[in-house]
C-alpha atoms as a PDB file:
ATOM      1  CA  MET A   1     133.766 147.904  82.112  1.00  0.00           C
ATOM      2  CA  PHE A   2     130.003 147.772  81.677  1.00  0.00           C
ATOM      3  CA  LYS A   3     128.588 149.526  78.608  1.00  0.00           C
ATOM      4  CA  SER A   4     124.873 149.287  79.353  1.00  0.00           C
ATOM      5  CA  LEU A   5     122.683 150.336  82.257  1.00  0.00           C
ATOM      6  CA  ASN A   6     119.982 148.015  80.974  1.00  0.00           C
ATOM      7  CA  PHE A   7     122.393 145.090  81.274  1.00  0.00           C
ATOM      8  CA  LEU A   8     123.017 145.940  84.927  1.00  0.00           C
ATOM      9  CA  CYS A   9     119.266 146.084  85.559  1.00  0.00           C
ATOM     10  CA  GLN A  10     118.723 142.713  83.889  1.00  0.00           C
ATOM     11  CA  GLN A  11     121.569 141.177  85.861  1.00  0.00           C
ATOM     12  CA  GLU A  12     120.076 142.309  89.157  1.00  0.00           C
ATOM     13  CA  MET A  13     116.674 140.851  88.231  1.00  0.00           C
ATOM     14  CA  GLN A  14     118.108 137.569  86.968  1.00  0.00           C
ATOM     15  CA  THR A  15     120.834 136.914  89.534  1.00  0.00           C
ATOM     16  CA  GLY A  16     119.803 138.970  92.534  1.00  0.00           C
ATOM     17  CA  ILE A  17     123.232 140.626  92.593  1.00  0.00           C
ATOM     18  CA  PRO A  18     122.610 144.314  93.410  1.00  0.00           C
ATOM     19  CA  PHE A  19     123.808 147.083  91.136  1.00  0.00           C
ATOM     20  CA  TRP A  20     126.592 148.223  93.463  1.00  0.00           C
ATOM     21  CA  ARG A  21     127.916 144.692  93.931  1.00  0.00           C
ATOM     22  CA  GLN A  22     128.148 144.117  90.177  1.00  0.00           C
ATOM     23  CA  ILE A  23     130.280 147.242  89.892  1.00  0.00           C
ATOM     24  CA  GLN A  24     132.507 146.152  92.755  1.00  0.00           C
ATOM     25  CA  GLN A  25     133.026 142.722  91.234  1.00  0.00           C
ATOM     26  CA  GLU A  26     133.939 144.262  87.888  1.00  0.00           C
ATOM     27  CA  ASP A  27     136.333 146.659  89.597  1.00  0.00           C
ATOM     28  CA  CYS A  28     138.109 143.753  91.297  1.00  0.00           C
ATOM     29  CA  ILE A  29     138.518 141.979  87.962  1.00  0.00           C
ATOM     30  CA  ASP A  30     139.685 145.103  86.113  1.00  0.00           C
ATOM     31  CA  GLN A  31     142.276 146.017  88.730  1.00  0.00           C
ATOM     32  CA  ASN A  32     143.098 142.478  89.842  1.00  0.00           C
ATOM     33  CA  ILE A  33     142.478 143.325  93.480  1.00  0.00           C
ATOM     34  CA  SER A  34     140.482 141.836  96.330  1.00  0.00           C
ATOM     35  CA  GLU A  35     137.026 143.017  97.348  1.00  0.00           C
ATOM     36  CA  GLN A  36     138.559 144.345 100.546  1.00  0.00           C
ATOM     37  CA  ALA A  37     141.120 146.402  98.613  1.00  0.00           C
ATOM     38  CA  SER A  38     138.428 147.736  96.297  1.00  0.00           C
ATOM     39  CA  PHE A  39     136.223 148.723  99.227  1.00  0.00           C
ATOM     40  CA  GLN A  40     139.182 150.385 100.947  1.00  0.00           C
ATOM     41  CA  PHE A  41     139.960 152.423  97.838  1.00  0.00           C
ATOM     42  CA  MET A  42     136.349 153.621  97.625  1.00  0.00           C
ATOM     43  CA  THR A  43     136.429 154.463 101.330  1.00  0.00           C
ATOM     44  CA  GLU A  44     139.487 156.627 100.749  1.00  0.00           C
ATOM     45  CA  MET A  45     137.693 158.409  97.903  1.00  0.00           C
ATOM     46  CA  TYR A  46     134.728 159.168 100.125  1.00  0.00           C
ATOM     47  CA  THR A  47     137.006 160.342 102.937  1.00  0.00           C
ATOM     48  CA  ALA A  48     138.690 162.718 100.493  1.00  0.00           C
ATOM     49  CA  MET A  49     135.274 164.035  99.442  1.00  0.00           C
ATOM     50  CA  ARG A  50     134.392 164.776 103.044  1.00  0.00           C
ATOM     51  CA  GLU A  51     137.739 166.491 103.560  1.00  0.00           C
ATOM     52  CA  SER A  52     137.219 168.655 100.475  1.00  0.00           C
ATOM     53  CA  ASP A  53     133.991 169.890 102.057  1.00  0.00           C
ATOM     54  CA  GLN A  54     135.455 170.413 105.517  1.00  0.00           C
ATOM     55  CA  SER A  55     138.526 172.283 104.255  1.00  0.00           C
ATOM     56  CA  TYR A  56     136.500 175.031 102.582  1.00  0.00           C
ATOM     57  CA  ASP A  57     137.832 178.507 103.355  1.00  0.00           C
ATOM     58  CA  PRO A  58     135.010 181.092 103.265  1.00  0.00           C
ATOM     59  CA  ASN A  59     137.517 183.913 102.802  1.00  0.00           C
ATOM     60  CA  LEU A  60     139.476 182.393  99.927  1.00  0.00           C
ATOM     61  CA  LYS A  61     139.071 183.487  96.313  1.00  0.00           C
ATOM     62  CA  SER A  62     140.518 181.952  93.161  1.00  0.00           C
ATOM     63  CA  SER A  63     143.622 183.544  91.682  1.00  0.00           C
ATOM     64  CA  SER A  64     141.482 185.199  89.001  1.00  0.00           C
ATOM     65  CA  GLY A  65     139.155 186.619  91.634  1.00  0.00           C
ATOM     66  CA  LEU A  66     136.129 185.314  89.731  1.00  0.00           C
ATOM     67  CA  VAL A  67     134.887 182.814  92.319  1.00  0.00           C
ATOM     68  CA  GLY A  68     135.047 182.196  96.045  1.00  0.00           C
ATOM     69  CA  THR A  69     133.147 183.256  99.188  1.00  0.00           C
ATOM     70  CA  ASP A  70     129.712 182.635  97.607  1.00  0.00           C
ATOM     71  CA  ALA A  71     129.103 179.384  99.476  1.00  0.00           C
ATOM     72  CA  GLN A  72     129.322 181.291 102.747  1.00  0.00           C
ATOM     73  CA  LYS A  73     126.727 183.789 101.521  1.00  0.00           C
ATOM     74  CA  LEU A  74     124.347 180.944 100.749  1.00  0.00           C
ATOM     75  CA  GLU A  75     125.092 179.315 104.103  1.00  0.00           C
ATOM     76  CA  ILE A  76     124.224 182.512 105.977  1.00  0.00           C
ATOM     77  CA  ARG A  77     120.863 182.681 104.225  1.00  0.00           C
ATOM     78  CA  ARG A  78     120.271 178.998 104.997  1.00  0.00           C
ATOM     79  CA  GLN A  79     121.024 179.553 108.668  1.00  0.00           C
ATOM     80  CA  GLN A  80     118.464 182.331 108.640  1.00  0.00           C
ATOM     81  CA  SER A  81     115.873 179.845 107.297  1.00  0.00           C
ATOM     82  CA  ARG A  82     115.303 182.045 104.264  1.00  0.00           C
ATOM     83  CA  LEU A  83     115.940 179.532 101.483  1.00  0.00           C
ATOM     84  CA  LEU A  84     112.935 178.625  99.350  1.00  0.00           C
ATOM     85  CA  CYS A  85     114.376 175.126  98.837  1.00  0.00           C
ATOM     86  CA  GLY A  86     114.315 174.221 102.526  1.00  0.00           C
ATOM     87  CA  ASP A  87     117.095 173.118 104.843  1.00  0.00           C
ATOM     88  CA  PHE A  88     118.013 169.716 103.383  1.00  0.00           C
ATOM     89  CA  VAL A  89     118.304 170.886  99.785  1.00  0.00           C
ATOM     90  CA  GLY A  90     119.879 174.091 101.068  1.00  0.00           C
ATOM     91  CA  ARG A  91     122.654 172.171 102.810  1.00  0.00           C
ATOM     92  CA  ALA A  92     123.315 170.193  99.645  1.00  0.00           C
ATOM     93  CA  MET A  93     123.464 173.402  97.611  1.00  0.00           C
ATOM     94  CA  VAL A  94     125.915 175.007 100.020  1.00  0.00           C
ATOM     95  CA  ARG A  95     128.084 171.902 100.013  1.00  0.00           C
ATOM     96  CA  ALA A  96     128.190 171.712  96.209  1.00  0.00           C
ATOM     97  CA  LEU A  97     129.220 175.351  96.036  1.00  0.00           C
ATOM     98  CA  ARG A  98     131.845 174.929  98.769  1.00  0.00           C
ATOM     99  CA  ILE A  99     133.561 172.035  97.043  1.00  0.00           C
ATOM    100  CA  ALA A 100     133.397 173.572  93.562  1.00  0.00           C
ATOM    101  CA  GLU A 101     134.845 176.834  94.898  1.00  0.00           C
ATOM    102  CA  SER A 102     137.592 174.881  96.649  1.00  0.00           C
ATOM    103  CA  ASN A 103     138.510 173.332  93.309  1.00  0.00           C
ATOM    104  CA  ALA A 104     138.816 176.765  91.704  1.00  0.00           C
ATOM    105  CA  CYS A 105     140.974 177.828  94.650  1.00  0.00           C
ATOM    106  CA  MET A 106     143.338 174.887  94.030  1.00  0.00           C
ATOM    107  CA  LYS A 107     142.372 172.920  97.134  1.00  0.00           C
ATOM    108  CA  ARG A 108     142.188 169.120  97.110  1.00  0.00           C
ATOM    109  CA  ILE A 109     139.028 167.634  95.597  1.00  0.00           C
ATOM    110  CA  VAL A 110     137.871 164.365  94.031  1.00  0.00           C
ATOM    111  CA  ALA A 111     137.123 164.515  90.310  1.00  0.00           C
ATOM    112  CA  ALA A 112     133.613 163.066  90.149  1.00  0.00           C
ATOM    113  CA  PRO A 113     133.754 162.469  87.282  1.00  0.00           C
ATOM    114  CA  THR A 114     135.705 165.673  86.506  1.00  0.00           C
ATOM    115  CA  ALA A 115     137.190 168.505  88.544  1.00  0.00           C
ATOM    116  CA  GLY A 116     134.665 170.948  87.090  1.00  0.00           C
ATOM    117  CA  SER A 117     131.785 168.824  88.385  1.00  0.00           C
ATOM    118  CA  CYS A 118     133.438 167.793  91.655  1.00  0.00           C
ATOM    119  CA  GLY A 119     130.817 169.279  93.990  1.00  0.00           C
ATOM    120  CA  ILE A 120     127.703 167.389  92.898  1.00  0.00           C
ATOM    121  CA  LEU A 121     128.257 163.799  94.023  1.00  0.00           C
ATOM    122  CA  PRO A 122     129.778 164.620  97.440  1.00  0.00           C
ATOM    123  CA  ALA A 123     127.083 167.225  98.069  1.00  0.00           C
ATOM    124  CA  VAL A 124     124.388 164.587  97.597  1.00  0.00           C
ATOM    125  CA  LEU A 125     126.172 161.776  99.452  1.00  0.00           C
ATOM    126  CA  ILE A 126     127.417 163.732 102.450  1.00  0.00           C
ATOM    127  CA  THR A 127     124.153 165.608 102.949  1.00  0.00           C
ATOM    128  CA  MET A 128     122.112 162.408 102.742  1.00  0.00           C
ATOM    129  CA  GLN A 129     124.421 160.719 105.251  1.00  0.00           C
ATOM    130  CA  GLU A 130     124.032 163.705 107.547  1.00  0.00           C
ATOM    131  CA  GLU A 131     120.249 163.841 107.112  1.00  0.00           C
ATOM    132  CA  ARG A 132     119.560 160.126 107.525  1.00  0.00           C
ATOM    133  CA  SER A 133     122.413 159.089 109.850  1.00  0.00           C
ATOM    134  CA  LEU A 134     123.616 156.555 107.287  1.00  0.00           C
ATOM    135  CA  GLY A 135     126.509 154.231 107.980  1.00  0.00           C
ATOM    136  CA  GLN A 136     129.786 154.308 106.072  1.00  0.00           C
ATOM    137  CA  GLU A 137     129.095 151.036 104.258  1.00  0.00           C
ATOM    138  CA  ALA A 138     125.899 152.407 102.717  1.00  0.00           C
ATOM    139  CA  LEU A 139     127.776 155.431 101.431  1.00  0.00           C
ATOM    140  CA  ILE A 140     130.500 153.320  99.841  1.00  0.00           C
ATOM    141  CA  GLN A 141     127.886 151.161  98.125  1.00  0.00           C
ATOM    142  CA  ALA A 142     126.314 154.330  96.737  1.00  0.00           C
ATOM    143  CA  LEU A 143     129.727 155.430  95.524  1.00  0.00           C
ATOM    144  CA  TYR A 144     130.022 152.169  93.560  1.00  0.00           C
ATOM    145  CA  VAL A 145     126.653 152.915  91.982  1.00  0.00           C
ATOM    146  CA  ALA A 146     127.809 156.378  90.971  1.00  0.00           C
ATOM    147  CA  GLY A 147     131.015 154.941  89.549  1.00  0.00           C
ATOM    148  CA  GLY A 148     129.079 152.362  87.554  1.00  0.00           C
ATOM    149  CA  ILE A 149     126.825 154.993  86.011  1.00  0.00           C
ATOM    150  CA  GLY A 150     129.813 157.167  85.184  1.00  0.00           C
ATOM    151  CA  GLY A 151     131.564 154.180  83.646  1.00  0.00           C
ATOM    152  CA  VAL A 152     128.661 153.430  81.329  1.00  0.00           C
ATOM    153  CA  ILE A 153     128.391 157.088  80.292  1.00  0.00           C
ATOM    154  CA  GLY A 154     132.115 157.191  79.629  1.00  0.00           C
ATOM    155  CA  ALA A 155     131.948 154.017  77.542  1.00  0.00           C
ATOM    156  CA  ARG A 156     128.900 155.010  75.490  1.00  0.00           C
ATOM    157  CA  ALA A 157     129.495 158.757  75.253  1.00  0.00           C
ATOM    158  CA  SER A 158     132.032 160.950  77.083  1.00  0.00           C
ATOM    159  CA  LEU A 159     132.793 162.534  80.439  1.00  0.00           C
ATOM    160  CA  ALA A 160     134.820 165.396  78.950  1.00  0.00           C
ATOM    161  CA  GLY A 161     133.537 168.879  78.221  1.00  0.00           C
ATOM    162  CA  ALA A 162     135.973 169.130  75.323  1.00  0.00           C
ATOM    163  CA  ALA A 163     134.266 166.177  73.654  1.00  0.00           C
ATOM    164  CA  GLY A 164     130.627 166.552  74.653  1.00  0.00           C
ATOM    165  CA  GLY A 165     130.052 169.936  76.255  1.00  0.00           C
ATOM    166  CA  CYS A 166     129.119 170.529  79.874  1.00  0.00           C
ATOM    167  CA  GLN A 167     126.325 167.959  79.575  1.00  0.00           C
ATOM    168  CA  ALA A 168     129.158 165.417  79.688  1.00  0.00           C
ATOM    169  CA  GLU A 169     130.506 166.842  82.956  1.00  0.00           C
ATOM    170  CA  ILE A 170     127.757 168.449  85.034  1.00  0.00           C
ATOM    171  CA  GLY A 171     125.149 166.253  83.333  1.00  0.00           C
ATOM    172  CA  SER A 172     127.066 163.045  83.996  1.00  0.00           C
ATOM    173  CA  ALA A 173     127.832 164.029  87.588  1.00  0.00           C
ATOM    174  CA  SER A 174     124.159 164.790  88.183  1.00  0.00           C
ATOM    175  CA  ALA A 175     123.167 161.407  86.736  1.00  0.00           C
ATOM    176  CA  MET A 176     125.735 159.661  88.922  1.00  0.00           C
ATOM    177  CA  ALA A 177     124.514 161.485  92.018  1.00  0.00           C
ATOM    178  CA  ALA A 178     120.857 160.761  91.222  1.00  0.00           C
ATOM    179  CA  GLY A 179     121.559 157.034  90.972  1.00  0.00           C
ATOM    180  CA  ALA A 180     123.623 157.091  94.152  1.00  0.00           C
ATOM    181  CA  ALA A 181     120.791 158.863  95.983  1.00  0.00           C
ATOM    182  CA  VAL A 182     118.344 156.155  94.890  1.00  0.00           C
ATOM    183  CA  GLN A 183     120.741 153.524  96.235  1.00  0.00           C
ATOM    184  CA  LEU A 184     120.744 155.326  99.591  1.00  0.00           C
ATOM    185  CA  CYS A 185     116.937 155.351  99.510  1.00  0.00           C
ATOM    186  CA  GLY A 186     116.862 151.573  99.060  1.00  0.00           C
ATOM    187  CA  GLY A 187     115.909 151.663  95.398  1.00  0.00           C
ATOM    188  CA  THR A 188     116.282 148.941  92.785  1.00  0.00           C
ATOM    189  CA  ALA A 189     118.628 148.884  89.795  1.00  0.00           C
ATOM    190  CA  GLU A 190     115.720 149.944  87.589  1.00  0.00           C
ATOM    191  CA  GLU A 191     115.033 152.960  89.799  1.00  0.00           C
ATOM    192  CA  ILE A 192     118.742 153.804  89.878  1.00  0.00           C
ATOM    193  CA  CYS A 193     118.991 153.772  86.095  1.00  0.00           C
ATOM    194  CA  HIS A 194     115.857 155.813  85.530  1.00  0.00           C
ATOM    195  CA  ALA A 195     116.946 158.409  88.075  1.00  0.00           C
ATOM    196  CA  ALA A 196     120.218 158.724  86.169  1.00  0.00           C
ATOM    197  CA  ALA A 197     118.324 159.041  82.881  1.00  0.00           C
ATOM    198  CA  LEU A 198     115.976 161.691  84.258  1.00  0.00           C
ATOM    199  CA  ALA A 199     118.900 163.710  85.593  1.00  0.00           C
ATOM    200  CA  LEU A 200     120.856 163.480  82.350  1.00  0.00           C
ATOM    201  CA  LYS A 201     117.805 164.323  80.231  1.00  0.00           C
ATOM    202  CA  GLY A 202     117.357 167.542  82.154  1.00  0.00           C
ATOM    203  CA  LEU A 203     120.826 168.741  81.194  1.00  0.00           C
ATOM    204  CA  LEU A 204     121.101 167.531  77.595  1.00  0.00           C
ATOM    205  CA  GLY A 205     122.650 170.134  75.323  1.00  0.00           C
ATOM    206  CA  LEU A 206     124.401 172.030  78.099  1.00  0.00           C
ATOM    207  CA  ALA A 207     127.308 173.938  76.552  1.00  0.00           C
ATOM    208  CA  CYS A 208     130.818 174.028  77.983  1.00  0.00           C
ATOM    209  CA  ASP A 209     131.594 177.746  77.748  1.00  0.00           C
ATOM    210  CA  PRO A 210     134.087 178.664  80.490  1.00  0.00           C
ATOM    211  CA  VAL A 211     134.734 182.382  80.743  1.00  0.00           C
ATOM    212  CA  ALA A 212     138.409 183.154  80.084  1.00  0.00           C
ATOM    213  CA  GLY A 213     138.966 179.447  79.646  1.00  0.00           C
ATOM    214  CA  LEU A 214     138.903 178.874  83.411  1.00  0.00           C
ATOM    215  CA  VAL A 215     136.873 176.210  85.215  1.00  0.00           C
ATOM    216  CA  GLU A 216     135.169 178.886  87.279  1.00  0.00           C
ATOM    217  CA  VAL A 217     132.344 180.766  85.520  1.00  0.00           C
ATOM    218  CA  PRO A 218     129.750 179.316  85.007  1.00  0.00           C
ATOM    219  CA  CYS A 219     131.164 175.954  86.109  1.00  0.00           C
ATOM    220  CA  VAL A 220     131.103 176.492  89.880  1.00  0.00           C
ATOM    221  CA  LYS A 221     127.445 177.489  90.130  1.00  0.00           C
ATOM    222  CA  ARG A 222     126.389 174.744  87.740  1.00  0.00           C
ATOM    223  CA  ASN A 223     127.443 172.310  90.469  1.00  0.00           C
ATOM    224  CA  VAL A 224     124.576 173.654  92.572  1.00  0.00           C
ATOM    225  CA  LEU A 225     122.074 173.180  89.765  1.00  0.00           C
ATOM    226  CA  GLY A 226     123.371 169.674  89.052  1.00  0.00           C
ATOM    227  CA  THR A 227     122.933 168.786  92.720  1.00  0.00           C
ATOM    228  CA  VAL A 228     119.318 169.948  92.903  1.00  0.00           C
ATOM    229  CA  ASN A 229     118.590 168.204  89.606  1.00  0.00           C
ATOM    230  CA  ALA A 230     119.986 164.950  91.018  1.00  0.00           C
ATOM    231  CA  LEU A 231     117.835 165.105  94.150  1.00  0.00           C
ATOM    232  CA  ALA A 232     114.690 165.896  92.138  1.00  0.00           C
ATOM    233  CA  SER A 233     115.437 163.011  89.757  1.00  0.00           C
ATOM    234  CA  CYS A 234     115.869 160.643  92.699  1.00  0.00           C
ATOM    235  CA  ASP A 235     112.502 161.672  94.118  1.00  0.00           C
ATOM    236  CA  MET A 236     110.821 161.166  90.753  1.00  0.00           C
ATOM    237  CA  ALA A 237     112.335 157.719  90.235  1.00  0.00           C
ATOM    238  CA  MET A 238     111.476 156.609  93.777  1.00  0.00           C
ATOM    239  CA  SER A 239     107.898 157.746  93.163  1.00  0.00           C
ATOM    240  CA  GLY A 240     107.584 155.334  90.247  1.00  0.00           C
ATOM    241  CA  ILE A 241     108.231 157.886  87.493  1.00  0.00           C
ATOM    242  CA  ARG A 242     110.212 156.462  84.600  1.00  0.00           C
ATOM    243  CA  SER A 243     112.087 158.005  81.705  1.00  0.00           C
ATOM    244  CA  ARG A 244     110.079 157.432  78.523  1.00  0.00           C
ATOM    245  CA  ILE A 245     113.400 157.162  76.695  1.00  0.00           C
ATOM    246  CA  PRO A 246     115.414 154.185  78.004  1.00  0.00           C
ATOM    247  CA  PRO A 247     118.505 155.174  80.039  1.00  0.00           C
ATOM    248  CA  ASP A 248     121.033 153.809  77.536  1.00  0.00           C
ATOM    249  CA  GLU A 249     119.314 155.708  74.729  1.00  0.00           C
ATOM    250  CA  VAL A 250     119.488 158.906  76.774  1.00  0.00           C
ATOM    251  CA  ILE A 251     123.256 158.455  77.039  1.00  0.00           C
ATOM    252  CA  ASP A 252     123.474 157.764  73.312  1.00  0.00           C
ATOM    253  CA  ALA A 253     121.505 160.946  72.648  1.00  0.00           C
ATOM    254  CA  MET A 254     124.005 162.891  74.752  1.00  0.00           C
ATOM    255  CA  ARG A 255     126.825 161.495  72.619  1.00  0.00           C
ATOM    256  CA  SER A 256     125.012 162.514  69.442  1.00  0.00           C
ATOM    257  CA  ILE A 257     124.314 166.026  70.732  1.00  0.00           C
ATOM    258  CA  GLY A 258     127.931 166.447  71.802  1.00  0.00           C
ATOM    259  CA  ARG A 259     129.186 165.509  68.361  1.00  0.00           C
ATOM    260  CA  LYS A 260     126.867 168.046  66.744  1.00  0.00           C
ATOM    261  CA  MET A 261     127.919 170.873  69.060  1.00  0.00           C
ATOM    262  CA  ASP A 262     129.978 173.619  67.498  1.00  0.00           C
ATOM    263  CA  PRO A 263     133.587 173.472  68.782  1.00  0.00           C
ATOM    264  CA  SER A 264     133.095 176.898  70.382  1.00  0.00           C
ATOM    265  CA  LEU A 265     130.683 175.258  72.839  1.00  0.00           C
ATOM    266  CA  ARG A 266     133.039 172.473  73.869  1.00  0.00           C
ATOM    267  CA  GLU A 267     135.477 173.889  76.423  1.00  0.00           C
ATOM    268  CA  THR A 268     137.346 176.176  74.035  1.00  0.00           C
ATOM    269  CA  GLY A 269     136.265 179.350  75.813  1.00  0.00           C
ATOM    270  CA  THR A 270     135.231 180.998  72.514  1.00  0.00           C
ATOM    271  CA  GLY A 271     131.441 180.612  72.542  1.00  0.00           C
ATOM    272  CA  GLY A 272     128.402 180.921  74.754  1.00  0.00           C
ATOM    273  CA  LEU A 273     128.937 182.899  77.962  1.00  0.00           C
ATOM    274  CA  ALA A 274     132.654 183.169  77.220  1.00  0.00           C
ATOM    275  CA  ALA A 275     131.866 185.095  74.035  1.00  0.00           C
ATOM    276  CA  THR A 276     129.612 187.695  75.669  1.00  0.00           C
ATOM    277  CA  PRO A 277     130.927 191.264  76.019  1.00  0.00           C
ATOM    278  CA  THR A 278     131.389 190.744  79.739  1.00  0.00           C
ATOM    279  CA  GLY A 279     133.064 187.387  79.176  1.00  0.00           C
ATOM    280  CA  GLN A 280     135.515 188.960  76.745  1.00  0.00           C
ATOM    281  CA  SER A 281     136.140 191.859  79.105  1.00  0.00           C
ATOM    282  CA  ILE A 282     136.976 189.447  81.917  1.00  0.00           C
ATOM    283  CA  ARG A 283     139.429 187.612  79.670  1.00  0.00           C
ATOM    284  CA  GLU A 284     141.184 190.861  78.822  1.00  0.00           C
ATOM    285  CA  LYS A 285     141.337 191.986  82.446  1.00  0.00           C
ATOM    286  CA  ILE A 286     143.011 188.831  83.652  1.00  0.00           C
ATOM    287  CA  SER A 287     145.314 188.772  80.608  1.00  0.00           C
ATOM    288  CA  MET A 288     144.321 185.383  79.269  1.00  0.00           C
ATOM    289  CA  PRO A 289     145.329 184.814  75.632  1.00  0.00           C
ATOM    290  CA  LYS A 290     142.417 184.445  73.250  1.00  0.00           C
ATOM    291  CA  PRO A 291     141.985 180.837  72.020  1.00  0.00           C
ATOM    292  CA  PRO A 292     142.338 180.252  68.282  1.00  0.00           C
ATOM    293  CA  GLU A 293     139.171 180.464  66.227  1.00  0.00           C
ATOM    294  CA  HIS A 294     137.537 177.156  65.360  1.00  0.00           C
ATOM    295  CA  SER A 295     135.887 176.464  62.039  1.00  0.00           C
ATOM    296  CA  SER A 296     132.193 175.592  62.175  1.00  0.00           C
ATOM    297  CA  GLU A 297     132.571 173.350  59.117  1.00  0.00           C
ATOM    298  CA  ARG A 298     131.912 169.657  59.559  1.00  0.00           C
END
């Protein structure tokens, strides 16, 4: 597994092997499989992402009743051409919300990299394929790019909200999607890595504070914000804008921030939005036991 985005950039410049291909080759070695088998596995992942979008039920709510049906509200406004963000970004927003709501409603999704952030990467990939009439092979290559970015983040920092806060989940997913979008735009490894860095920088310090301990509020709607952040970061990188802090250092900073976060802000459901009067009231109404208190001592 690669542990440096800079290394991947240098490899592309020195050998001419594109970012996505380096990830595929490493995957084949790690799993001891052929390139064809690796590509087939990625194709199945992308097919499952598409199915998670298509299977959305606009009338279904989660068992807690906290989330569901909102994606359809956004879609209605989009169809009325009333979204400030425009149609393309609007479709991506709707898709992110659909898939994240489906997760909360126990429908099949692809953890990318986690279930709580499952809507971001497919929202970007599927909407870009739809917008630009991209072939399946291009999408699978972009999926390798996303996987490579996620792998480096996981190796250098964390992909778990319990370890690093929501920056490790929504932030990582947004970085993965930003890099994948650059790949679909024909960008270089350098542009891919800086898009990922820009996306992650924008979400550094994001707390993991699920109301009632459920991956619903604010998790579902953060998928929309992570999606828009990814698209904006792609546009910046493709315009020649670079992160002043090198991509690997951005990931290292996320790790450092996560370690310094109070435990109440790392998926325990005891701090942040979960600790507000309304958050506590929701917990009581749905009869969720209160998590044990965590010491703030280091």
